[in-house]
Amino acid sequence: MQSAKRRISPFLYFILLSSLTNLIFLLIGIGLLALCSVKLSGPVFPIVVFFLIWKGGLVGFVTWVSHKNANNKDFLVKFIGIYFGRFFGIFIGGILGYEFSDITKQLTIIGFIVGALIFYFAGRWVGSKVSVLVAAQLDKVFAIPEFQIMGEVGEHKSGKRLASVGIILYAVIFPFLFVVMGLLMSYFEVPTGYLHEMLPISRLVAIVLSILLICLPWLMKNRWLEKYQTTTSSPESVVYWLGSVFSIVPVLYGFLLFVAMGTSIVELCIYAIASSIAAVIWHVHNKVSVKPNMD
């Protein structure tokens, strides 16, 4: 019964949904890598796990701001799963493909690329199923308040300021937190680069994917607007946050190259700068007003 459910704010709901979905994929990834005898020990492993867990909260914050602007819960539930499915799919698939090709004495580069592509598309499909399932379980326990129409100008301006603060934090502070972590790892001499032989091909893949993800929102903007016109009350807001999230991803690739393949801190900084600039440019040219939902 609805009355028996515990009321929870949309903010906590999306943080919880994103964190649980992220944790499920993280556990699946650790399990698959362990089954394939991939090295999961050493001081660098818990650091990477910590950042991946923390990332779930950040994605939850972004989706909450989007929900506050557009009241698009159903879309965001699926988006969270698709995002994490793709994110983990690329890296898990690449590592598994590399390990399998090494065992079978085939070209490891081809194995890495094939594995990443297969798990990328599989993760997109599985991801939405996982997040929808998690949301269904949360909905059995929690009830979030109905979206309220913002009738006062003060609330409208407050919502716009909140969105602006959120994107600034996400676009500027978040990428350079990875740089700070990289500097700390170097200072404390945390061992990195245990997959150094994969650095050339991994760097190439990371550069190509980074350019693709930065350009994708600009290329797909009109198509996304048409797609979400019938699924959400504010397709502009959805496309805005999609572009913001895609713009940030390159710094994650840079941090992975730094930790696993042993690239330099300077290269990590380049990825962080690219992510921040891409996100800020997207924000400047795609500002979306916080509009009340009149449905």
C-alpha atoms as a PDB file:
ATOM      1  CA  MET A   1       0.000   0.000   0.000  1.00  0.00           C
ATOM      2  CA  GLN A   2       1.157   3.538  -0.788  1.00  0.00           C
ATOM      3  CA  SER A   3       0.555   4.685   2.790  1.00  0.00           C
ATOM      4  CA  ALA A   4       2.820   1.951   4.148  1.00  0.00           C
ATOM      5  CA  LYS A   5       5.760   3.157   2.127  1.00  0.00           C
ATOM      6  CA  ARG A   6       8.392   5.398   3.632  1.00  0.00           C
ATOM      7  CA  ARG A   7       8.524   8.807   1.971  1.00  0.00           C
ATOM      8  CA  ILE A   8      11.922   9.720   0.606  1.00  0.00           C
ATOM      9  CA  SER A   9      13.127  12.824  -1.220  1.00  0.00           C
ATOM     10  CA  PRO A  10      13.852  12.564  -4.956  1.00  0.00           C
ATOM     11  CA  PHE A  11      17.464  13.491  -4.179  1.00  0.00           C
ATOM     12  CA  LEU A  12      17.996  10.486  -1.905  1.00  0.00           C
ATOM     13  CA  TYR A  13      16.018   8.257  -4.259  1.00  0.00           C
ATOM     14  CA  PHE A  14      18.264   8.927  -7.259  1.00  0.00           C
ATOM     15  CA  ILE A  15      21.439   8.794  -5.178  1.00  0.00           C
ATOM     16  CA  LEU A  16      20.348   5.402  -3.851  1.00  0.00           C
ATOM     17  CA  LEU A  17      19.255   4.124  -7.271  1.00  0.00           C
ATOM     18  CA  SER A  18      22.477   5.200  -8.955  1.00  0.00           C
ATOM     19  CA  SER A  19      24.712   3.888  -6.160  1.00  0.00           C
ATOM     20  CA  LEU A  20      23.023   0.474  -6.072  1.00  0.00           C
ATOM     21  CA  THR A  21      23.118   0.111  -9.857  1.00  0.00           C
ATOM     22  CA  ASN A  22      26.767   1.145  -9.872  1.00  0.00           C
ATOM     23  CA  LEU A  23      27.547  -1.347  -7.093  1.00  0.00           C
ATOM     24  CA  ILE A  24      25.858  -4.211  -8.947  1.00  0.00           C
ATOM     25  CA  PHE A  25      27.926  -3.607 -12.065  1.00  0.00           C
ATOM     26  CA  LEU A  26      31.074  -3.210  -9.984  1.00  0.00           C
ATOM     27  CA  LEU A  27      30.495  -6.560  -8.250  1.00  0.00           C
ATOM     28  CA  ILE A  28      29.712  -8.248 -11.569  1.00  0.00           C
ATOM     29  CA  GLY A  29      32.905  -6.831 -13.042  1.00  0.00           C
ATOM     30  CA  ILE A  30      35.053  -7.938 -10.104  1.00  0.00           C
ATOM     31  CA  GLY A  31      33.505 -11.398 -10.291  1.00  0.00           C
ATOM     32  CA  LEU A  32      34.146 -11.763 -14.029  1.00  0.00           C
ATOM     33  CA  LEU A  33      37.720 -10.541 -13.731  1.00  0.00           C
ATOM     34  CA  ALA A  34      38.369 -12.851 -10.781  1.00  0.00           C
ATOM     35  CA  LEU A  35      37.026 -15.848 -12.722  1.00  0.00           C
ATOM     36  CA  CYS A  36      39.467 -15.033 -15.527  1.00  0.00           C
ATOM     37  CA  SER A  37      42.346 -14.799 -13.013  1.00  0.00           C
ATOM     38  CA  VAL A  38      42.925 -11.087 -13.627  1.00  0.00           C
ATOM     39  CA  LYS A  39      45.088  -9.545 -10.886  1.00  0.00           C
ATOM     40  CA  LEU A  40      42.851  -7.751  -8.364  1.00  0.00           C
ATOM     41  CA  SER A  41      45.306  -7.194  -5.530  1.00  0.00           C
ATOM     42  CA  GLY A  42      47.661  -4.392  -4.578  1.00  0.00           C
ATOM     43  CA  PRO A  43      47.069  -0.898  -3.148  1.00  0.00           C
ATOM     44  CA  VAL A  44      45.817   0.500  -6.457  1.00  0.00           C
ATOM     45  CA  PHE A  45      42.804  -1.821  -6.555  1.00  0.00           C
ATOM     46  CA  PRO A  46      40.917  -0.423  -3.515  1.00  0.00           C
ATOM     47  CA  ILE A  47      41.618   3.133  -4.748  1.00  0.00           C
ATOM     48  CA  VAL A  48      39.999   2.414  -8.097  1.00  0.00           C
ATOM     49  CA  VAL A  49      37.077   0.686  -6.385  1.00  0.00           C
ATOM     50  CA  PHE A  50      36.612   3.690  -4.083  1.00  0.00           C
ATOM     51  CA  PHE A  51      36.376   6.085  -7.031  1.00  0.00           C
ATOM     52  CA  LEU A  52      33.975   3.829  -8.892  1.00  0.00           C
ATOM     53  CA  ILE A  53      31.711   3.647  -5.831  1.00  0.00           C
ATOM     54  CA  TRP A  54      31.910   7.403  -5.302  1.00  0.00           C
ATOM     55  CA  LYS A  55      31.033   7.938  -8.975  1.00  0.00           C
ATOM     56  CA  GLY A  56      27.593   6.398  -8.340  1.00  0.00           C
ATOM     57  CA  GLY A  57      26.695   9.272  -6.017  1.00  0.00           C
ATOM     58  CA  LEU A  58      27.745  11.878  -8.560  1.00  0.00           C
ATOM     59  CA  VAL A  59      25.648  10.329 -11.334  1.00  0.00           C
ATOM     60  CA  GLY A  60      22.739  10.220  -8.881  1.00  0.00           C
ATOM     61  CA  PHE A  61      23.133  13.950  -8.220  1.00  0.00           C
ATOM     62  CA  VAL A  62      23.085  14.778 -11.936  1.00  0.00           C
ATOM     63  CA  THR A  63      19.984  12.689 -12.578  1.00  0.00           C
ATOM     64  CA  TRP A  64      18.226  14.288  -9.600  1.00  0.00           C
ATOM     65  CA  VAL A  65      18.862  17.781 -10.995  1.00  0.00           C
ATOM     66  CA  SER A  66      17.483  16.647 -14.355  1.00  0.00           C
ATOM     67  CA  HIS A  67      14.398  15.206 -12.641  1.00  0.00           C
ATOM     68  CA  LYS A  68      13.909  18.445 -10.741  1.00  0.00           C
ATOM     69  CA  ASN A  69      13.936  20.340 -14.027  1.00  0.00           C
ATOM     70  CA  ALA A  70      11.814  18.015 -16.158  1.00  0.00           C
ATOM     71  CA  ASN A  71      10.125  15.392 -13.976  1.00  0.00           C
ATOM     72  CA  ASN A  72      11.412  12.575 -16.211  1.00  0.00           C
ATOM     73  CA  LYS A  73      11.776   9.702 -13.738  1.00  0.00           C
ATOM     74  CA  ASP A  74      11.134   6.790 -16.122  1.00  0.00           C
ATOM     75  CA  PHE A  75      13.722   7.979 -18.617  1.00  0.00           C
ATOM     76  CA  LEU A  76      16.334   8.669 -15.941  1.00  0.00           C
ATOM     77  CA  VAL A  77      15.885   5.227 -14.371  1.00  0.00           C
ATOM     78  CA  LYS A  78      16.793   3.602 -17.689  1.00  0.00           C
ATOM     79  CA  PHE A  79      19.512   6.151 -18.406  1.00  0.00           C
ATOM     80  CA  ILE A  80      21.354   5.319 -15.173  1.00  0.00           C
ATOM     81  CA  GLY A  81      21.535   1.640 -16.102  1.00  0.00           C
ATOM     82  CA  ILE A  82      22.510   2.329 -19.712  1.00  0.00           C
ATOM     83  CA  TYR A  83      25.263   4.702 -18.578  1.00  0.00           C
ATOM     84  CA  PHE A  84      26.822   2.292 -16.093  1.00  0.00           C
ATOM     85  CA  GLY A  85      26.350  -0.665 -18.449  1.00  0.00           C
ATOM     86  CA  ARG A  86      28.305   1.070 -21.188  1.00  0.00           C
ATOM     87  CA  PHE A  87      30.914   2.468 -18.818  1.00  0.00           C
ATOM     88  CA  PHE A  88      31.788  -0.827 -17.161  1.00  0.00           C
ATOM     89  CA  GLY A  89      31.242  -2.780 -20.377  1.00  0.00           C
ATOM     90  CA  ILE A  90      34.066  -1.036 -22.220  1.00  0.00           C
ATOM     91  CA  PHE A  91      36.671  -1.698 -19.552  1.00  0.00           C
ATOM     92  CA  ILE A  92      35.551  -5.135 -18.415  1.00  0.00           C
ATOM     93  CA  GLY A  93      35.122  -6.322 -21.984  1.00  0.00           C
ATOM     94  CA  GLY A  94      38.482  -4.902 -23.029  1.00  0.00           C
ATOM     95  CA  ILE A  95      40.359  -6.574 -20.180  1.00  0.00           C
ATOM     96  CA  LEU A  96      38.569  -9.906 -20.664  1.00  0.00           C
ATOM     97  CA  GLY A  97      39.172  -9.745 -24.411  1.00  0.00           C
ATOM     98  CA  TYR A  98      42.834  -9.045 -23.788  1.00  0.00           C
ATOM     99  CA  GLU A  99      43.161 -11.936 -21.349  1.00  0.00           C
ATOM    100  CA  PHE A 100      41.314 -14.374 -23.623  1.00  0.00           C
ATOM    101  CA  SER A 101      43.380 -13.473 -26.696  1.00  0.00           C
ATOM    102  CA  ASP A 102      46.559 -13.874 -24.650  1.00  0.00           C
ATOM    103  CA  ILE A 103      45.505 -17.371 -23.591  1.00  0.00           C
ATOM    104  CA  THR A 104      44.590 -18.391 -27.137  1.00  0.00           C
ATOM    105  CA  LYS A 105      47.807 -16.834 -28.539  1.00  0.00           C
ATOM    106  CA  GLN A 106      45.836 -14.474 -30.764  1.00  0.00           C
ATOM    107  CA  LEU A 107      46.476 -10.766 -31.282  1.00  0.00           C
ATOM    108  CA  THR A 108      45.827  -9.070 -27.924  1.00  0.00           C
ATOM    109  CA  ILE A 109      44.972  -5.756 -29.590  1.00  0.00           C
ATOM    110  CA  ILE A 110      42.127  -7.327 -31.550  1.00  0.00           C
ATOM    111  CA  GLY A 111      40.938  -9.159 -28.446  1.00  0.00           C
ATOM    112  CA  PHE A 112      40.878  -5.926 -26.440  1.00  0.00           C
ATOM    113  CA  ILE A 113      38.873  -4.037 -29.078  1.00  0.00           C
ATOM    114  CA  VAL A 114      36.441  -6.879 -29.789  1.00  0.00           C
ATOM    115  CA  GLY A 115      35.841  -7.487 -26.085  1.00  0.00           C
ATOM    116  CA  ALA A 116      35.236  -3.793 -25.407  1.00  0.00           C
ATOM    117  CA  LEU A 117      32.768  -3.480 -28.292  1.00  0.00           C
ATOM    118  CA  ILE A 118      30.830  -6.622 -27.372  1.00  0.00           C
ATOM    119  CA  PHE A 119      30.490  -5.663 -23.710  1.00  0.00           C
ATOM    120  CA  TYR A 120      29.700  -2.051 -24.613  1.00  0.00           C
ATOM    121  CA  PHE A 121      26.562  -3.013 -26.517  1.00  0.00           C
ATOM    122  CA  ALA A 122      25.709  -5.832 -24.122  1.00  0.00           C
ATOM    123  CA  GLY A 123      26.111  -3.446 -21.194  1.00  0.00           C
ATOM    124  CA  ARG A 124      23.724  -0.961 -22.770  1.00  0.00           C
ATOM    125  CA  TRP A 125      21.020  -3.621 -23.036  1.00  0.00           C
ATOM    126  CA  VAL A 126      21.642  -5.224 -19.649  1.00  0.00           C
ATOM    127  CA  GLY A 127      22.087  -1.875 -17.918  1.00  0.00           C
ATOM    128  CA  SER A 128      18.556  -0.626 -18.468  1.00  0.00           C
ATOM    129  CA  LYS A 129      17.183  -3.954 -17.205  1.00  0.00           C
ATOM    130  CA  VAL A 130      19.284  -3.750 -14.049  1.00  0.00           C
ATOM    131  CA  SER A 131      18.360  -0.158 -13.177  1.00  0.00           C
ATOM    132  CA  VAL A 132      14.659  -0.770 -13.869  1.00  0.00           C
ATOM    133  CA  LEU A 133      14.781  -3.818 -11.585  1.00  0.00           C
ATOM    134  CA  VAL A 134      16.529  -1.850  -8.840  1.00  0.00           C
ATOM    135  CA  ALA A 135      13.996   0.984  -9.197  1.00  0.00           C
ATOM    136  CA  ALA A 136      11.122  -1.496  -8.951  1.00  0.00           C
ATOM    137  CA  GLN A 137      12.501  -2.811  -5.657  1.00  0.00           C
ATOM    138  CA  LEU A 138      13.000   0.709  -4.312  1.00  0.00           C
ATOM    139  CA  ASP A 139       9.458   1.657  -5.312  1.00  0.00           C
ATOM    140  CA  LYS A 140       8.146  -1.195  -3.164  1.00  0.00           C
ATOM    141  CA  VAL A 141       9.756   0.359  -0.095  1.00  0.00           C
ATOM    142  CA  PHE A 142       9.929   4.095  -0.778  1.00  0.00           C
ATOM    143  CA  ALA A 143       7.558   6.702  -2.151  1.00  0.00           C
ATOM    144  CA  ILE A 144       8.878   9.959  -3.567  1.00  0.00           C
ATOM    145  CA  PRO A 145       6.698  13.085  -3.516  1.00  0.00           C
ATOM    146  CA  GLU A 146       4.898  14.067  -6.694  1.00  0.00           C
ATOM    147  CA  PHE A 147       6.572  16.725  -8.776  1.00  0.00           C
ATOM    148  CA  GLN A 148       5.237  20.107  -7.758  1.00  0.00           C
ATOM    149  CA  ILE A 149       4.679  23.005 -10.122  1.00  0.00           C
ATOM    150  CA  MET A 150       6.999  25.913  -9.379  1.00  0.00           C
ATOM    151  CA  GLY A 151       4.625  28.819  -9.405  1.00  0.00           C
ATOM    152  CA  GLU A 152       6.805  31.455  -7.806  1.00  0.00           C
ATOM    153  CA  VAL A 153       9.556  33.379  -9.552  1.00  0.00           C
ATOM    154  CA  GLY A 154      11.866  32.866  -6.600  1.00  0.00           C
ATOM    155  CA  GLU A 155      11.620  29.095  -6.898  1.00  0.00           C
ATOM    156  CA  HIS A 156      12.205  29.323 -10.639  1.00  0.00           C
ATOM    157  CA  LYS A 157      15.398  31.332 -10.180  1.00  0.00           C
ATOM    158  CA  SER A 158      16.526  29.036  -7.385  1.00  0.00           C
ATOM    159  CA  GLY A 159      16.124  26.041  -9.673  1.00  0.00           C
ATOM    160  CA  LYS A 160      18.186  27.725 -12.388  1.00  0.00           C
ATOM    161  CA  ARG A 161      20.942  28.556  -9.920  1.00  0.00           C
ATOM    162  CA  LEU A 162      20.966  24.992  -8.631  1.00  0.00           C
ATOM    163  CA  ALA A 163      21.337  23.618 -12.143  1.00  0.00           C
ATOM    164  CA  SER A 164      24.163  26.046 -12.901  1.00  0.00           C
ATOM    165  CA  VAL A 165      25.998  25.174  -9.695  1.00  0.00           C
ATOM    166  CA  GLY A 166      25.576  21.481 -10.423  1.00  0.00           C
ATOM    167  CA  ILE A 167      27.077  21.686 -13.898  1.00  0.00           C
ATOM    168  CA  ILE A 168      29.973  23.856 -12.693  1.00  0.00           C
ATOM    169  CA  LEU A 169      30.817  21.334  -9.985  1.00  0.00           C
ATOM    170  CA  TYR A 170      30.442  18.466 -12.406  1.00  0.00           C
ATOM    171  CA  ALA A 171      32.387  20.123 -15.246  1.00  0.00           C
ATOM    172  CA  VAL A 172      35.297  21.661 -13.382  1.00  0.00           C
ATOM    173  CA  ILE A 173      35.831  20.121  -9.961  1.00  0.00           C
ATOM    174  CA  PHE A 174      35.098  16.493 -10.816  1.00  0.00           C
ATOM    175  CA  PRO A 175      37.756  15.997 -13.562  1.00  0.00           C
ATOM    176  CA  PHE A 176      40.525  17.553 -11.497  1.00  0.00           C
ATOM    177  CA  LEU A 177      39.726  15.368  -8.507  1.00  0.00           C
ATOM    178  CA  PHE A 178      41.170  12.555 -10.605  1.00  0.00           C
ATOM    179  CA  VAL A 179      44.297  14.624 -11.194  1.00  0.00           C
ATOM    180  CA  VAL A 180      44.633  15.217  -7.454  1.00  0.00           C
ATOM    181  CA  MET A 181      44.240  11.512  -6.822  1.00  0.00           C
ATOM    182  CA  GLY A 182      46.885  10.789  -9.445  1.00  0.00           C
ATOM    183  CA  LEU A 183      49.281  13.197  -7.753  1.00  0.00           C
ATOM    184  CA  LEU A 184      48.643  11.574  -4.376  1.00  0.00           C
ATOM    185  CA  MET A 185      49.263   8.132  -5.852  1.00  0.00           C
ATOM    186  CA  SER A 186      52.552   9.359  -7.308  1.00  0.00           C
ATOM    187  CA  TYR A 187      53.551  11.039  -4.027  1.00  0.00           C
ATOM    188  CA  PHE A 188      52.897   7.919  -1.970  1.00  0.00           C
ATOM    189  CA  GLU A 189      54.497   5.762  -4.687  1.00  0.00           C
ATOM    190  CA  VAL A 190      51.398   3.672  -5.257  1.00  0.00           C
ATOM    191  CA  PRO A 191      52.337   1.179  -7.987  1.00  0.00           C
ATOM    192  CA  THR A 192      50.633   1.750 -11.337  1.00  0.00           C
ATOM    193  CA  GLY A 193      51.037   0.513 -14.875  1.00  0.00           C
ATOM    194  CA  TYR A 194      50.575  -3.208 -14.288  1.00  0.00           C
ATOM    195  CA  LEU A 195      49.184  -3.431 -17.850  1.00  0.00           C
ATOM    196  CA  HIS A 196      51.878  -1.206 -19.346  1.00  0.00           C
ATOM    197  CA  GLU A 197      52.176  -3.321 -22.498  1.00  0.00           C
ATOM    198  CA  MET A 198      48.619  -2.295 -23.371  1.00  0.00           C
ATOM    199  CA  LEU A 199      49.366   1.449 -23.191  1.00  0.00           C
ATOM    200  CA  PRO A 200      49.840   2.156 -26.943  1.00  0.00           C
ATOM    201  CA  ILE A 201      46.586   0.565 -28.078  1.00  0.00           C
ATOM    202  CA  SER A 202      44.718   1.695 -24.940  1.00  0.00           C
ATOM    203  CA  ARG A 203      45.816   5.286 -25.512  1.00  0.00           C
ATOM    204  CA  LEU A 204      44.607   5.119 -29.101  1.00  0.00           C
ATOM    205  CA  VAL A 205      41.251   3.653 -28.062  1.00  0.00           C
ATOM    206  CA  ALA A 206      40.868   6.257 -25.288  1.00  0.00           C
ATOM    207  CA  ILE A 207      41.620   9.151 -27.650  1.00  0.00           C
ATOM    208  CA  VAL A 208      39.181   7.916 -30.282  1.00  0.00           C
ATOM    209  CA  LEU A 209      36.426   7.265 -27.728  1.00  0.00           C
ATOM    210  CA  SER A 210      37.009  10.644 -26.047  1.00  0.00           C
ATOM    211  CA  ILE A 211      36.692  12.536 -29.320  1.00  0.00           C
ATOM    212  CA  LEU A 212      33.636  10.488 -30.244  1.00  0.00           C
ATOM    213  CA  LEU A 213      31.898  11.119 -26.909  1.00  0.00           C
ATOM    214  CA  ILE A 214      32.642  14.853 -26.986  1.00  0.00           C
ATOM    215  CA  CYS A 215      31.294  15.191 -30.542  1.00  0.00           C
ATOM    216  CA  LEU A 216      28.376  12.788 -30.154  1.00  0.00           C
ATOM    217  CA  PRO A 217      25.997  15.172 -28.299  1.00  0.00           C
ATOM    218  CA  TRP A 218      26.489  17.853 -30.962  1.00  0.00           C
ATOM    219  CA  LEU A 219      25.878  15.358 -33.767  1.00  0.00           C
ATOM    220  CA  MET A 220      22.904  13.683 -32.074  1.00  0.00           C
ATOM    221  CA  LYS A 221      21.270  16.754 -30.516  1.00  0.00           C
ATOM    222  CA  ASN A 222      18.385  17.128 -32.985  1.00  0.00           C
ATOM    223  CA  ARG A 223      17.786  13.385 -33.137  1.00  0.00           C
ATOM    224  CA  TRP A 224      17.695  13.148 -29.328  1.00  0.00           C
ATOM    225  CA  LEU A 225      15.257  16.053 -29.147  1.00  0.00           C
ATOM    226  CA  GLU A 226      12.911  14.228 -31.522  1.00  0.00           C
ATOM    227  CA  LYS A 227      13.346  10.929 -29.686  1.00  0.00           C
ATOM    228  CA  TYR A 228      12.544  12.289 -26.228  1.00  0.00           C
ATOM    229  CA  GLN A 229       9.798  14.630 -27.396  1.00  0.00           C
ATOM    230  CA  THR A 230       7.198  11.959 -26.621  1.00  0.00           C
ATOM    231  CA  THR A 231       8.865  10.361 -23.589  1.00  0.00           C
ATOM    232  CA  THR A 232       9.498  13.370 -21.363  1.00  0.00           C
ATOM    233  CA  SER A 233       7.941  16.770 -20.752  1.00  0.00           C
ATOM    234  CA  SER A 234      11.282  18.539 -21.230  1.00  0.00           C
ATOM    235  CA  PRO A 235      13.399  16.927 -23.972  1.00  0.00           C
ATOM    236  CA  GLU A 236      15.741  19.950 -23.985  1.00  0.00           C
ATOM    237  CA  SER A 237      16.695  19.266 -20.374  1.00  0.00           C
ATOM    238  CA  VAL A 238      17.330  15.576 -21.088  1.00  0.00           C
ATOM    239  CA  VAL A 239      19.566  16.368 -24.062  1.00  0.00           C
ATOM    240  CA  TYR A 240      21.372  19.029 -22.040  1.00  0.00           C
ATOM    241  CA  TRP A 241      22.321  16.584 -19.295  1.00  0.00           C
ATOM    242  CA  LEU A 242      23.192  13.841 -21.762  1.00  0.00           C
ATOM    243  CA  GLY A 243      25.684  16.171 -23.405  1.00  0.00           C
ATOM    244  CA  SER A 244      27.111  17.205 -20.039  1.00  0.00           C
ATOM    245  CA  VAL A 245      27.664  13.605 -18.956  1.00  0.00           C
ATOM    246  CA  PHE A 246      29.214  12.565 -22.272  1.00  0.00           C
ATOM    247  CA  SER A 247      31.594  15.535 -22.117  1.00  0.00           C
ATOM    248  CA  ILE A 248      32.971  14.455 -18.744  1.00  0.00           C
ATOM    249  CA  VAL A 249      33.773  10.831 -19.665  1.00  0.00           C
ATOM    250  CA  PRO A 250      37.269  11.436 -21.199  1.00  0.00           C
ATOM    251  CA  VAL A 251      38.819  12.127 -17.792  1.00  0.00           C
ATOM    252  CA  LEU A 252      37.709   8.656 -16.686  1.00  0.00           C
ATOM    253  CA  TYR A 253      39.579   7.174 -19.627  1.00  0.00           C
ATOM    254  CA  GLY A 254      42.644   9.216 -18.665  1.00  0.00           C
ATOM    255  CA  PHE A 255      42.538   8.001 -15.087  1.00  0.00           C
ATOM    256  CA  LEU A 256      42.245   4.405 -16.235  1.00  0.00           C
ATOM    257  CA  LEU A 257      45.276   4.877 -18.492  1.00  0.00           C
ATOM    258  CA  PHE A 258      47.183   6.385 -15.551  1.00  0.00           C
ATOM    259  CA  VAL A 259      46.319   3.623 -13.094  1.00  0.00           C
ATOM    260  CA  ALA A 260      46.326   0.511 -15.243  1.00  0.00           C
ATOM    261  CA  MET A 261      48.661   1.381 -18.111  1.00  0.00           C
ATOM    262  CA  GLY A 262      51.065   3.779 -16.379  1.00  0.00           C
ATOM    263  CA  THR A 263      50.632   6.902 -18.496  1.00  0.00           C
ATOM    264  CA  SER A 264      51.975  10.210 -17.145  1.00  0.00           C
ATOM    265  CA  ILE A 265      50.224  12.648 -14.850  1.00  0.00           C
ATOM    266  CA  VAL A 266      50.575  15.259 -17.606  1.00  0.00           C
ATOM    267  CA  GLU A 267      48.483  13.114 -19.938  1.00  0.00           C
ATOM    268  CA  LEU A 268      45.887  12.701 -17.196  1.00  0.00           C
ATOM    269  CA  CYS A 269      45.763  16.501 -16.886  1.00  0.00           C
ATOM    270  CA  ILE A 270      45.146  16.785 -20.620  1.00  0.00           C
ATOM    271  CA  TYR A 271      42.131  14.485 -20.329  1.00  0.00           C
ATOM    272  CA  ALA A 272      40.836  16.480 -17.345  1.00  0.00           C
ATOM    273  CA  ILE A 273      41.219  19.785 -19.196  1.00  0.00           C
ATOM    274  CA  ALA A 274      39.516  18.345 -22.284  1.00  0.00           C
ATOM    275  CA  SER A 275      36.581  17.129 -20.184  1.00  0.00           C
ATOM    276  CA  SER A 276      36.147  20.452 -18.406  1.00  0.00           C
ATOM    277  CA  ILE A 277      36.372  22.534 -21.583  1.00  0.00           C
ATOM    278  CA  ALA A 278      33.979  20.244 -23.467  1.00  0.00           C
ATOM    279  CA  ALA A 279      31.410  20.341 -20.653  1.00  0.00           C
ATOM    280  CA  VAL A 280      31.647  24.123 -20.179  1.00  0.00           C
ATOM    281  CA  ILE A 281      31.280  24.789 -23.939  1.00  0.00           C
ATOM    282  CA  TRP A 282      28.255  22.493 -24.033  1.00  0.00           C
ATOM    283  CA  HIS A 283      26.781  24.306 -21.036  1.00  0.00           C
ATOM    284  CA  VAL A 284      27.300  27.763 -22.552  1.00  0.00           C
ATOM    285  CA  HIS A 285      25.729  26.879 -25.903  1.00  0.00           C
ATOM    286  CA  ASN A 286      22.921  24.679 -24.579  1.00  0.00           C
ATOM    287  CA  LYS A 287      21.534  26.454 -21.536  1.00  0.00           C
ATOM    288  CA  VAL A 288      18.133  25.128 -20.589  1.00  0.00           C
ATOM    289  CA  SER A 289      15.678  27.126 -18.541  1.00  0.00           C
ATOM    290  CA  VAL A 290      14.091  25.422 -15.564  1.00  0.00           C
ATOM    291  CA  LYS A 291      10.475  25.290 -16.578  1.00  0.00           C
ATOM    292  CA  PRO A 292       7.505  24.176 -14.518  1.00  0.00           C
ATOM    293  CA  ASN A 293       5.702  21.089 -15.597  1.00  0.00           C
ATOM    294  CA  MET A 294       2.147  22.055 -16.586  1.00  0.00           C
ATOM    295  CA  ASP A 295       0.837  18.546 -17.101  1.00  0.00           C
END
